């Protein structure tokens, strides 16, 4: 059990801080700041969120969840389904492989060339600090289902310019 505790307490590296800043700026510039964030209780995910929050107005509501630490995809989806707030934009900050698996499971099959390219990137290269943006036609988060999310974007830190 000690190795898990050590990993849980591992802090964010300088590159991680830079990537979080870059991704946070991107989300702000694209008007994609969430109203609610579900964040793993691990030190590095909390630090990632802290860096992102510095540039977001208004700041979202945040729920820190121990169960998101190294959660499997189904657990992540179940956490999404349990959201009762009227938050049009929800963000999950967690860990791979569960987070990337959840994104894949929730994505609907590609229908055009752009979506096929995004799906390929999502399946081939899901680095730390990547952001997947899925859009759902639902009335509440309890309605999230497998294969129903429209893959709008998949952004990796290296796809963006250095933070200002």
N, C-alpha and C. Protein backbone atom coordinates (compact mmCIF):
# COMPACT_ATOMS: atom_id res chain seq x y z
N UNK A 1 0.81 -1.20 0.00
CA UNK A 1 0.00 0.00 0.00
C UNK A 1 0.86 1.26 0.00
N UNK A 2 2.04 1.19 0.51
CA UNK A 2 2.92 2.36 0.56
C UNK A 2 3.20 2.95 -0.82
N UNK A 3 3.44 2.14 -1.87
CA UNK A 3 3.68 2.74 -3.19
C UNK A 3 2.50 3.59 -3.67
N UNK A 4 1.27 3.15 -3.41
CA UNK A 4 0.11 3.93 -3.82
C UNK A 4 0.08 5.27 -3.10
N UNK A 5 0.38 5.25 -1.80
CA UNK A 5 0.40 6.50 -1.05
C UNK A 5 1.47 7.43 -1.58
N UNK A 6 2.64 6.89 -1.92
CA UNK A 6 3.70 7.72 -2.47
C UNK A 6 3.26 8.33 -3.80
N UNK A 7 2.62 7.55 -4.65
CA UNK A 7 2.16 8.07 -5.94
C UNK A 7 1.07 9.12 -5.71
N UNK A 8 0.16 8.86 -4.81
CA UNK A 8 -0.93 9.80 -4.51
C UNK A 8 -0.38 11.15 -4.06
N UNK A 9 0.72 11.14 -3.36
CA UNK A 9 1.30 12.37 -2.82
C UNK A 9 2.35 13.01 -3.73
N UNK A 10 2.61 12.38 -4.88
CA UNK A 10 3.61 12.92 -5.80
C UNK A 10 3.16 14.27 -6.33
N UNK A 11 4.07 15.24 -6.30
CA UNK A 11 3.73 16.60 -6.72
C UNK A 11 3.89 16.77 -8.23
N UNK A 12 3.30 17.83 -8.72
CA UNK A 12 3.34 18.15 -10.14
C UNK A 12 4.73 18.68 -10.52
N UNK A 13 5.29 18.14 -11.57
CA UNK A 13 6.59 18.58 -12.06
C UNK A 13 6.44 19.94 -12.74
N UNK A 14 7.56 20.62 -12.96
CA UNK A 14 7.53 21.94 -13.61
C UNK A 14 6.88 21.87 -14.99
N UNK A 15 7.17 20.82 -15.74
CA UNK A 15 6.53 20.66 -17.06
C UNK A 15 5.02 20.53 -16.90
N UNK A 16 4.58 19.83 -15.88
CA UNK A 16 3.16 19.68 -15.61
C UNK A 16 2.51 21.02 -15.31
N UNK A 17 3.21 21.86 -14.55
CA UNK A 17 2.68 23.21 -14.25
C UNK A 17 2.54 24.02 -15.54
N UNK A 18 3.57 23.95 -16.38
CA UNK A 18 3.54 24.68 -17.65
C UNK A 18 2.41 24.17 -18.54
N UNK A 19 2.24 22.85 -18.60
CA UNK A 19 1.16 22.27 -19.41
C UNK A 19 -0.21 22.66 -18.87
N UNK A 20 -0.36 22.64 -17.54
CA UNK A 20 -1.64 23.02 -16.93
C UNK A 20 -1.97 24.48 -17.23
N UNK A 21 -0.97 25.34 -17.15
CA UNK A 21 -1.18 26.76 -17.47
C UNK A 21 -1.61 26.92 -18.92
N UNK A 22 -0.94 26.23 -19.81
CA UNK A 22 -1.26 26.29 -21.24
C UNK A 22 -2.69 25.81 -21.50
N UNK A 23 -3.05 24.69 -20.90
CA UNK A 23 -4.39 24.14 -21.13
C UNK A 23 -5.46 25.02 -20.49
N UNK A 24 -5.18 25.54 -19.32
CA UNK A 24 -6.13 26.45 -18.66
C UNK A 24 -6.37 27.70 -19.48
N UNK A 25 -5.31 28.27 -20.05
CA UNK A 25 -5.46 29.45 -20.90
C UNK A 25 -6.28 29.13 -22.14
N UNK A 26 -6.03 27.97 -22.72
CA UNK A 26 -6.79 27.55 -23.90
C UNK A 26 -8.28 27.47 -23.58
N UNK A 27 -8.62 26.81 -22.49
CA UNK A 27 -10.03 26.65 -22.11
C UNK A 27 -10.68 28.00 -21.86
N UNK A 28 -9.95 28.91 -21.24
CA UNK A 28 -10.48 30.26 -20.99
C UNK A 28 -10.69 31.01 -22.30
N UNK A 29 -9.70 30.98 -23.18
CA UNK A 29 -9.79 31.67 -24.47
C UNK A 29 -10.93 31.13 -25.34
N UNK A 30 -11.20 29.85 -25.23
CA UNK A 30 -12.25 29.21 -26.04
C UNK A 30 -13.61 29.22 -25.34
N UNK A 31 -13.70 29.93 -24.21
CA UNK A 31 -14.94 30.03 -23.44
C UNK A 31 -15.44 28.64 -23.02
N UNK A 32 -14.51 27.81 -22.55
CA UNK A 32 -14.83 26.45 -22.13
C UNK A 32 -14.55 26.22 -20.65
N UNK A 33 -14.50 27.30 -19.88
CA UNK A 33 -14.27 27.15 -18.44
C UNK A 33 -15.48 26.42 -17.85
N UNK A 34 -15.25 25.34 -17.13
CA UNK A 34 -16.38 24.58 -16.59
C UNK A 34 -17.05 25.28 -15.42
N UNK A 35 -18.29 24.89 -15.17
CA UNK A 35 -19.00 25.38 -13.98
C UNK A 35 -18.72 24.48 -12.79
N UNK A 36 -18.36 23.22 -13.07
CA UNK A 36 -18.09 22.24 -12.02
C UNK A 36 -16.89 21.39 -12.42
N UNK A 37 -16.00 21.15 -11.47
CA UNK A 37 -14.84 20.29 -11.69
C UNK A 37 -14.87 19.16 -10.66
N UNK A 38 -14.77 17.93 -11.13
CA UNK A 38 -14.55 16.78 -10.27
C UNK A 38 -13.07 16.46 -10.38
N UNK A 39 -12.37 16.51 -9.25
CA UNK A 39 -10.91 16.39 -9.27
C UNK A 39 -10.46 15.27 -8.34
N UNK A 40 -9.56 14.44 -8.82
CA UNK A 40 -8.94 13.42 -7.98
C UNK A 40 -8.26 14.09 -6.79
N UNK A 41 -8.18 13.37 -5.69
CA UNK A 41 -7.55 13.90 -4.49
C UNK A 41 -6.03 13.83 -4.53
N UNK A 42 -5.45 13.28 -5.58
CA UNK A 42 -3.99 13.19 -5.68
C UNK A 42 -3.37 14.58 -5.73
N UNK A 43 -2.18 14.71 -5.18
CA UNK A 43 -1.51 16.02 -5.10
C UNK A 43 -1.35 16.64 -6.49
N UNK A 44 -0.93 15.88 -7.47
CA UNK A 44 -0.65 16.46 -8.79
C UNK A 44 -1.92 16.91 -9.51
N UNK A 45 -3.04 16.23 -9.29
CA UNK A 45 -4.27 16.68 -9.94
C UNK A 45 -4.79 17.95 -9.25
N UNK A 46 -4.67 18.01 -7.94
CA UNK A 46 -5.09 19.22 -7.22
C UNK A 46 -4.22 20.41 -7.62
N UNK A 47 -2.92 20.17 -7.82
CA UNK A 47 -2.02 21.25 -8.24
C UNK A 47 -2.32 21.66 -9.67
N UNK A 48 -2.66 20.72 -10.53
CA UNK A 48 -3.06 21.04 -11.91
C UNK A 48 -4.27 21.98 -11.88
N UNK A 49 -5.25 21.63 -11.09
CA UNK A 49 -6.45 22.45 -10.99
C UNK A 49 -6.12 23.83 -10.43
N UNK A 50 -5.27 23.89 -9.43
CA UNK A 50 -4.88 25.17 -8.83
C UNK A 50 -4.28 26.11 -9.88
N UNK A 51 -3.41 25.58 -10.73
CA UNK A 51 -2.80 26.39 -11.79
C UNK A 51 -3.87 26.87 -12.78
N UNK A 52 -4.78 25.99 -13.15
CA UNK A 52 -5.82 26.36 -14.10
C UNK A 52 -6.77 27.39 -13.51
N UNK A 53 -7.14 27.23 -12.25
CA UNK A 53 -8.09 28.13 -11.60
C UNK A 53 -7.60 29.57 -11.56
N UNK A 54 -6.30 29.76 -11.51
CA UNK A 54 -5.73 31.10 -11.40
C UNK A 54 -6.19 32.02 -12.53
N UNK A 55 -6.48 31.46 -13.70
CA UNK A 55 -6.88 32.29 -14.84
C UNK A 55 -8.35 32.22 -15.20
N UNK A 56 -9.16 31.54 -14.38
CA UNK A 56 -10.56 31.35 -14.73
C UNK A 56 -11.48 32.27 -13.93
N UNK A 57 -12.34 32.97 -14.65
CA UNK A 57 -13.36 33.80 -14.02
C UNK A 57 -14.68 33.56 -14.73
N UNK A 58 -15.73 33.26 -14.03
CA UNK A 58 -15.74 32.97 -12.61
C UNK A 58 -15.16 31.59 -12.34
N UNK A 59 -14.69 31.41 -11.15
CA UNK A 59 -14.12 30.11 -10.76
C UNK A 59 -15.24 29.07 -10.64
N UNK A 60 -14.99 27.86 -11.10
CA UNK A 60 -16.01 26.82 -11.01
C UNK A 60 -16.12 26.28 -9.59
N UNK A 61 -17.20 25.58 -9.34
CA UNK A 61 -17.32 24.78 -8.11
C UNK A 61 -16.40 23.58 -8.28
N UNK A 62 -15.82 23.14 -7.18
CA UNK A 62 -14.86 22.03 -7.23
C UNK A 62 -15.26 20.98 -6.21
N UNK A 63 -15.22 19.73 -6.65
CA UNK A 63 -15.39 18.60 -5.74
C UNK A 63 -14.14 17.73 -5.84
N UNK A 64 -13.44 17.60 -4.74
CA UNK A 64 -12.28 16.72 -4.67
C UNK A 64 -12.76 15.34 -4.25
N UNK A 65 -12.44 14.32 -5.05
CA UNK A 65 -12.96 12.98 -4.81
C UNK A 65 -11.83 11.96 -4.69
N UNK A 66 -11.75 11.30 -3.56
CA UNK A 66 -10.76 10.24 -3.37
C UNK A 66 -10.98 9.12 -4.39
N UNK A 67 -12.25 8.84 -4.73
CA UNK A 67 -12.57 7.74 -5.65
C UNK A 67 -12.09 7.97 -7.07
N UNK A 68 -11.72 9.20 -7.42
CA UNK A 68 -11.20 9.45 -8.77
C UNK A 68 -9.72 9.11 -8.89
N UNK A 69 -9.05 8.89 -7.77
CA UNK A 69 -7.63 8.53 -7.82
C UNK A 69 -7.50 7.15 -8.44
N UNK A 70 -6.87 7.09 -9.61
CA UNK A 70 -6.66 5.86 -10.38
C UNK A 70 -7.95 5.12 -10.71
N UNK A 71 -9.05 5.86 -10.82
CA UNK A 71 -10.36 5.26 -11.10
C UNK A 71 -10.40 4.63 -12.49
N UNK A 72 -11.13 3.57 -12.59
CA UNK A 72 -11.37 2.93 -13.89
C UNK A 72 -12.46 3.71 -14.61
N UNK A 73 -12.57 3.48 -15.92
CA UNK A 73 -13.49 4.25 -16.75
C UNK A 73 -14.93 4.20 -16.27
N UNK A 74 -15.41 3.04 -15.84
CA UNK A 74 -16.80 2.93 -15.42
C UNK A 74 -17.05 3.74 -14.15
N UNK A 75 -16.11 3.76 -13.25
CA UNK A 75 -16.24 4.57 -12.03
C UNK A 75 -16.31 6.05 -12.39
N UNK A 76 -15.49 6.48 -13.33
CA UNK A 76 -15.50 7.88 -13.76
C UNK A 76 -16.86 8.25 -14.36
N UNK A 77 -17.37 7.39 -15.22
CA UNK A 77 -18.68 7.64 -15.83
C UNK A 77 -19.77 7.66 -14.76
N UNK A 78 -19.69 6.78 -13.78
CA UNK A 78 -20.68 6.79 -12.70
C UNK A 78 -20.61 8.08 -11.88
N UNK A 79 -19.43 8.62 -11.67
CA UNK A 79 -19.31 9.92 -10.98
C UNK A 79 -19.98 11.03 -11.80
N UNK A 80 -19.80 10.99 -13.11
CA UNK A 80 -20.45 11.98 -13.98
C UNK A 80 -21.97 11.86 -13.84
N UNK A 81 -22.47 10.64 -13.86
CA UNK A 81 -23.92 10.42 -13.78
C UNK A 81 -24.52 10.86 -12.44
N UNK A 82 -23.69 10.96 -11.43
CA UNK A 82 -24.17 11.35 -10.10
C UNK A 82 -24.22 12.87 -9.89
N UNK A 83 -23.73 13.63 -10.86
CA UNK A 83 -23.76 15.09 -10.73
C UNK A 83 -25.21 15.56 -10.81
N UNK A 84 -25.63 16.31 -9.81
CA UNK A 84 -27.01 16.82 -9.76
C UNK A 84 -27.09 18.31 -10.05
N UNK A 85 -25.96 19.01 -10.00
CA UNK A 85 -25.95 20.44 -10.27
C UNK A 85 -26.28 20.71 -11.73
N UNK A 86 -26.84 21.89 -11.98
CA UNK A 86 -27.10 22.33 -13.34
C UNK A 86 -25.82 22.98 -13.86
N UNK A 87 -24.86 22.17 -14.22
CA UNK A 87 -23.57 22.64 -14.71
C UNK A 87 -23.46 22.26 -16.18
N UNK A 88 -23.68 23.23 -17.08
CA UNK A 88 -23.61 22.90 -18.50
C UNK A 88 -22.25 22.34 -18.94
N UNK A 89 -21.18 22.79 -18.28
CA UNK A 89 -19.84 22.31 -18.62
C UNK A 89 -19.22 21.69 -17.38
N UNK A 90 -18.84 20.44 -17.50
CA UNK A 90 -18.27 19.65 -16.41
C UNK A 90 -16.87 19.22 -16.82
N UNK A 91 -15.93 19.28 -15.88
CA UNK A 91 -14.57 18.85 -16.15
C UNK A 91 -14.18 17.78 -15.13
N UNK A 92 -13.49 16.77 -15.61
CA UNK A 92 -12.94 15.72 -14.76
C UNK A 92 -11.42 15.84 -14.85
N UNK A 93 -10.77 15.93 -13.69
CA UNK A 93 -9.30 15.90 -13.65
C UNK A 93 -8.92 14.63 -12.91
N UNK A 94 -8.34 13.69 -13.66
CA UNK A 94 -8.04 12.39 -13.09
C UNK A 94 -6.77 11.81 -13.67
N UNK A 95 -6.78 10.50 -13.84
CA UNK A 95 -5.57 9.76 -14.19
C UNK A 95 -5.83 8.78 -15.32
N UNK A 96 -4.79 8.52 -16.06
CA UNK A 96 -4.83 7.47 -17.08
C UNK A 96 -4.40 6.15 -16.44
N UNK A 97 -4.89 5.05 -16.94
CA UNK A 97 -5.63 4.91 -18.20
C UNK A 97 -7.13 5.14 -18.08
N UNK A 98 -7.68 5.25 -16.89
CA UNK A 98 -9.12 5.36 -16.71
C UNK A 98 -9.75 6.54 -17.41
N UNK A 99 -9.10 7.69 -17.33
CA UNK A 99 -9.68 8.90 -17.93
C UNK A 99 -9.73 8.80 -19.45
N UNK A 100 -8.65 8.34 -20.06
CA UNK A 100 -8.68 8.22 -21.52
C UNK A 100 -9.64 7.12 -21.96
N UNK A 101 -9.76 6.05 -21.18
CA UNK A 101 -10.72 5.00 -21.52
C UNK A 101 -12.15 5.53 -21.43
N UNK A 102 -12.44 6.34 -20.40
CA UNK A 102 -13.77 6.93 -20.28
C UNK A 102 -14.08 7.81 -21.49
N UNK A 103 -13.10 8.61 -21.92
CA UNK A 103 -13.30 9.46 -23.10
C UNK A 103 -13.61 8.62 -24.33
N UNK A 104 -12.90 7.53 -24.50
CA UNK A 104 -13.13 6.67 -25.66
C UNK A 104 -14.52 6.02 -25.60
N UNK A 105 -14.89 5.53 -24.42
CA UNK A 105 -16.17 4.85 -24.25
C UNK A 105 -17.33 5.82 -24.47
N UNK A 106 -17.19 7.05 -24.02
CA UNK A 106 -18.27 8.02 -24.14
C UNK A 106 -18.39 8.62 -25.55
N UNK A 107 -17.33 8.57 -26.34
CA UNK A 107 -17.33 9.16 -27.69
C UNK A 107 -18.17 8.33 -28.64
N UNK A 108 -18.98 9.03 -29.43
CA UNK A 108 -19.74 8.32 -30.47
C UNK A 108 -18.81 8.02 -31.63
N UNK A 109 -19.11 7.02 -32.41
CA UNK A 109 -18.28 6.69 -33.56
C UNK A 109 -18.14 7.89 -34.49
N UNK A 110 -16.97 8.03 -35.11
CA UNK A 110 -16.74 9.20 -35.96
C UNK A 110 -17.65 9.20 -37.18
N UNK A 111 -18.10 10.42 -37.53
CA UNK A 111 -18.99 10.54 -38.68
C UNK A 111 -18.39 11.31 -39.83
N UNK A 112 -17.30 12.04 -39.59
CA UNK A 112 -16.68 12.81 -40.66
C UNK A 112 -15.15 12.73 -40.51
N UNK A 113 -14.45 13.31 -41.46
CA UNK A 113 -12.98 13.22 -41.48
C UNK A 113 -12.36 13.87 -40.24
N UNK A 114 -12.88 15.02 -39.82
CA UNK A 114 -12.34 15.70 -38.65
C UNK A 114 -12.47 14.82 -37.41
N UNK A 115 -13.66 14.26 -37.22
CA UNK A 115 -13.89 13.42 -36.05
C UNK A 115 -13.06 12.15 -36.11
N UNK A 116 -12.89 11.59 -37.30
CA UNK A 116 -12.04 10.39 -37.44
C UNK A 116 -10.61 10.71 -37.02
N UNK A 117 -10.11 11.87 -37.42
CA UNK A 117 -8.75 12.28 -37.05
C UNK A 117 -8.64 12.45 -35.54
N UNK A 118 -9.62 13.12 -34.93
CA UNK A 118 -9.62 13.30 -33.47
C UNK A 118 -9.69 11.96 -32.76
N UNK A 119 -10.54 11.07 -33.25
CA UNK A 119 -10.66 9.73 -32.66
C UNK A 119 -9.33 8.98 -32.74
N UNK A 120 -8.64 9.11 -33.86
CA UNK A 120 -7.35 8.45 -34.03
C UNK A 120 -6.35 8.98 -33.01
N UNK A 121 -6.30 10.30 -32.83
CA UNK A 121 -5.41 10.89 -31.83
C UNK A 121 -5.78 10.42 -30.43
N UNK A 122 -7.06 10.38 -30.15
CA UNK A 122 -7.55 9.96 -28.85
C UNK A 122 -7.13 8.52 -28.55
N UNK A 123 -7.11 7.68 -29.56
CA UNK A 123 -6.73 6.29 -29.37
C UNK A 123 -5.23 6.06 -29.39
N UNK A 124 -4.49 6.90 -30.10
CA UNK A 124 -3.06 6.66 -30.27
C UNK A 124 -2.17 7.39 -29.28
N UNK A 125 -2.56 8.58 -28.87
CA UNK A 125 -1.62 9.43 -28.13
C UNK A 125 -2.38 10.29 -27.13
N UNK A 126 -2.53 9.81 -25.91
CA UNK A 126 -3.26 10.55 -24.87
C UNK A 126 -2.29 10.90 -23.76
N UNK A 127 -1.53 11.99 -23.94
CA UNK A 127 -0.51 12.34 -22.95
C UNK A 127 -1.10 13.02 -21.71
N UNK A 128 -0.27 13.13 -20.72
CA UNK A 128 -0.63 13.87 -19.51
C UNK A 128 -1.04 15.29 -19.90
N UNK A 129 -2.07 15.80 -19.25
CA UNK A 129 -2.60 17.16 -19.43
C UNK A 129 -3.41 17.34 -20.71
N UNK A 130 -3.66 16.27 -21.45
CA UNK A 130 -4.51 16.38 -22.63
C UNK A 130 -5.94 16.69 -22.19
N UNK A 131 -6.68 17.37 -23.06
CA UNK A 131 -8.07 17.71 -22.79
C UNK A 131 -8.93 17.15 -23.91
N UNK A 132 -9.94 16.39 -23.52
CA UNK A 132 -10.93 15.89 -24.46
C UNK A 132 -12.22 16.65 -24.21
N UNK A 133 -12.81 17.17 -25.27
CA UNK A 133 -14.07 17.89 -25.14
C UNK A 133 -15.15 17.10 -25.85
N UNK A 134 -16.12 16.65 -25.06
CA UNK A 134 -17.26 15.89 -25.56
C UNK A 134 -18.52 16.71 -25.32
N UNK A 135 -19.42 16.69 -26.28
CA UNK A 135 -20.70 17.37 -26.13
C UNK A 135 -21.81 16.33 -26.13
N UNK A 136 -22.72 16.47 -25.17
CA UNK A 136 -23.83 15.54 -25.03
C UNK A 136 -25.15 16.27 -25.20
N UNK A 137 -26.11 15.63 -25.83
CA UNK A 137 -27.47 16.16 -25.96
C UNK A 137 -28.29 15.51 -24.84
N UNK A 138 -28.16 16.06 -23.61
CA UNK A 138 -28.83 15.50 -22.44
C UNK A 138 -29.42 16.63 -21.61
N UNK A 139 -30.40 16.28 -20.78
CA UNK A 139 -31.01 17.25 -19.87
C UNK A 139 -30.26 17.34 -18.55
N UNK A 140 -29.62 16.25 -18.16
CA UNK A 140 -28.84 16.23 -16.92
C UNK A 140 -27.70 15.23 -17.08
N UNK A 141 -26.70 15.35 -16.22
CA UNK A 141 -25.54 14.47 -16.32
C UNK A 141 -25.89 13.01 -16.06
N UNK A 142 -27.02 12.76 -15.41
CA UNK A 142 -27.44 11.38 -15.18
C UNK A 142 -27.75 10.66 -16.49
N UNK A 143 -27.96 11.43 -17.57
CA UNK A 143 -28.27 10.86 -18.87
C UNK A 143 -27.08 10.50 -19.73
N UNK A 144 -25.88 10.65 -19.21
CA UNK A 144 -24.68 10.32 -19.98
C UNK A 144 -24.66 8.81 -20.28
N UNK A 145 -24.47 8.48 -21.55
CA UNK A 145 -24.43 7.08 -21.98
C UNK A 145 -23.22 6.82 -22.86
N UNK A 146 -22.82 5.58 -22.91
CA UNK A 146 -21.71 5.14 -23.77
C UNK A 146 -22.02 5.49 -25.22
N UNK A 147 -20.99 5.97 -25.92
CA UNK A 147 -21.10 6.23 -27.34
C UNK A 147 -22.02 7.37 -27.72
N UNK A 148 -22.38 8.24 -26.78
CA UNK A 148 -23.31 9.33 -27.07
C UNK A 148 -22.66 10.71 -27.08
N UNK A 149 -21.37 10.81 -26.77
CA UNK A 149 -20.71 12.10 -26.74
C UNK A 149 -20.10 12.45 -28.09
N UNK A 150 -20.41 13.64 -28.57
CA UNK A 150 -19.81 14.12 -29.82
C UNK A 150 -18.42 14.65 -29.50
N UNK A 151 -17.39 14.07 -30.10
CA UNK A 151 -16.01 14.48 -29.87
C UNK A 151 -15.77 15.81 -30.59
N UNK A 152 -15.75 16.88 -29.82
CA UNK A 152 -15.58 18.22 -30.37
C UNK A 152 -14.11 18.61 -30.53
N UNK A 153 -13.28 18.15 -29.59
CA UNK A 153 -11.86 18.51 -29.65
C UNK A 153 -11.05 17.56 -28.79
N UNK A 154 -9.81 17.40 -29.17
CA UNK A 154 -8.82 16.68 -28.38
C UNK A 154 -7.54 17.50 -28.49
N UNK A 155 -7.14 18.09 -27.37
CA UNK A 155 -6.01 19.02 -27.37
C UNK A 155 -4.92 18.50 -26.44
N UNK A 156 -3.72 18.48 -26.97
CA UNK A 156 -2.55 18.09 -26.18
C UNK A 156 -1.73 19.34 -25.92
N UNK A 157 -1.00 19.39 -24.83
CA UNK A 157 -0.19 20.58 -24.54
C UNK A 157 0.72 20.98 -25.70
N UNK A 158 1.29 20.02 -26.38
CA UNK A 158 2.21 20.34 -27.48
C UNK A 158 1.49 20.96 -28.68
N UNK A 159 0.17 20.87 -28.71
CA UNK A 159 -0.60 21.47 -29.80
C UNK A 159 -0.75 22.98 -29.63
N UNK A 160 -0.42 23.48 -28.44
CA UNK A 160 -0.61 24.89 -28.10
C UNK A 160 0.72 25.60 -27.93
N UNK A 161 0.70 26.91 -28.08
CA UNK A 161 1.93 27.69 -27.89
C UNK A 161 2.26 27.75 -26.40
N UNK A 162 3.49 28.13 -26.11
CA UNK A 162 3.95 28.25 -24.72
C UNK A 162 3.12 29.28 -23.98
N UNK A 163 2.93 29.08 -22.65
CA UNK A 163 2.13 30.03 -21.86
C UNK A 163 2.75 31.41 -21.84
N UNK A 164 1.89 32.41 -21.73
CA UNK A 164 2.37 33.81 -21.71
C UNK A 164 2.70 34.24 -20.31
